[in-house]
Every structure is written in structure tokens, then in C-alpha cells.
Amino acid sequence: MTPQLLDVVVLTSDMPQHGLRRGDLGTVVEIHNPTAFLAEFVAASGRTQALVTLGPGDVRAVEDNDLVTVRPSTAKAS
């Protein structure tokens, strides 16, 4: 997947250092280059949980059968 600016993406692996889990939704907020982009992950309240530089292999596109869920955060906001 090659994310574009403002795409909603799904994290494909846990990132406990950022309080993120596989399946969390993020939004691409900046493209650094073809292999790196910045994604923002937010709490249900709208507070930024993490801003993380990722590569295309770290995320997948949202699919029609994906459900949105709410879970408690395991880390403080970064």
C-alpha cells in the first residue's frame, strides 16, 4: 500500500512504545518520501495518542468488513 495524504490506515503490528495495537486506525498527515510518512493516531476524545513515522509495510488500507472499536489506552499520550 502506498498511502496518500489524509488516508485512513490500519496498523499491522503492535507498537507498545506508543500505546498502539495492531488494528488501530491512523490518518496520514505528512508524506516524507515514497517509503516514509507520518501518521496520527487519536483517542476517541480527539486527543493525539501518537504521531509515528511509518513505512508502507506498517499499515494496510481500511476494508469494508473492518469495524471501529474503543479500548483503553495502554500508554500516555506522546
Protein backbone atom coordinates (compact mmCIF):
# COMPACT_ATOMS: atom_id res chain seq x y z
CA MET A 1 0.00 0.00 0.00
CA THR A 2 1.25 3.50 -0.86
CA PRO A 3 -0.65 5.85 1.47
CA GLN A 4 -1.69 9.29 0.31
CA LEU A 5 -2.17 12.42 2.42
CA LEU A 6 -5.24 12.12 4.71
CA ASP A 7 -5.74 8.40 4.03
CA VAL A 8 -7.10 6.44 6.98
CA VAL A 9 -4.85 3.42 7.54
CA VAL A 10 -4.84 0.33 9.75
CA LEU A 11 -1.74 -0.51 11.80
CA THR A 12 -0.50 -4.04 11.03
CA SER A 13 1.54 -4.66 14.20
CA ASP A 14 1.63 -3.59 17.84
CA MET A 15 3.67 -0.53 18.79
CA PRO A 16 3.57 -0.66 22.61
CA GLN A 17 6.08 2.18 22.94
CA HIS A 18 3.34 4.43 21.51
CA GLY A 19 0.37 2.73 23.17
CA LEU A 20 -0.78 1.39 19.78
CA ARG A 21 -2.04 -2.05 18.83
CA ARG A 22 -2.46 -3.91 15.57
CA GLY A 23 -5.76 -2.79 14.04
CA ASP A 24 -5.67 0.78 15.38
CA LEU A 25 -6.74 3.44 12.88
CA GLY A 26 -4.49 6.33 11.98
CA THR A 27 -4.54 9.18 9.48
CA VAL A 28 -1.64 10.04 7.18
CA VAL A 29 -0.79 13.66 7.98
CA GLU A 30 2.51 14.09 6.13
CA ILE A 31 4.41 12.30 3.38
CA HIS A 32 8.19 12.37 3.95
CA ASN A 33 9.15 10.38 0.84
CA PRO A 34 7.86 7.31 -1.04
CA THR A 35 8.89 4.99 1.81
CA ALA A 36 8.08 7.07 4.90
CA PHE A 37 5.06 9.00 6.13
CA LEU A 38 3.76 10.47 9.38
CA ALA A 39 0.52 9.04 10.78
CA GLU A 40 -1.54 10.45 13.63
CA PHE A 41 -3.42 8.13 15.98
CA VAL A 42 -6.06 9.72 18.20
CA ALA A 43 -8.08 8.75 21.27
CA ALA A 44 -11.86 8.68 20.97
CA SER A 45 -11.89 12.14 22.61
CA GLY A 46 -9.80 13.54 19.75
CA ARG A 47 -6.60 13.81 21.79
CA THR A 48 -3.49 12.80 19.85
CA GLN A 49 -2.23 9.46 21.17
CA ALA A 50 0.80 9.22 18.90
CA LEU A 51 2.46 10.75 15.84
CA VAL A 52 4.53 7.99 14.27
CA THR A 53 6.73 7.80 11.19
CA LEU A 54 5.82 4.60 9.35
CA GLY A 55 6.52 2.81 6.09
CA PRO A 56 4.05 1.31 3.64
CA GLY A 57 4.54 -2.17 5.15
CA ASP A 58 3.43 -0.95 8.59
CA VAL A 59 -0.16 -0.32 7.53
CA ARG A 60 -2.92 -1.59 5.30
CA ALA A 61 -5.94 0.02 3.72
CA VAL A 62 -9.27 0.07 5.54
CA GLU A 63 -11.56 -2.69 4.27
CA ASP A 64 -15.35 -2.83 4.11
CA ASN A 65 -15.54 -5.54 6.77
CA ASP A 66 -13.41 -3.60 9.33
CA LEU A 67 -15.22 -2.48 12.49
CA VAL A 68 -14.28 0.52 14.61
CA THR A 69 -13.90 -0.27 18.33
CA VAL A 70 -12.94 1.53 21.53
CA ARG A 71 -10.37 0.24 24.03
CA PRO A 72 -8.46 1.85 26.90
CA SER A 73 -5.02 3.18 26.06
CA THR A 74 -2.02 1.34 27.46
CA ALA A 75 0.35 4.32 27.36
CA LYS A 76 0.29 8.03 27.98
CA ALA A 77 -0.04 10.39 25.02
CA SER A 78 3.21 11.19 23.26
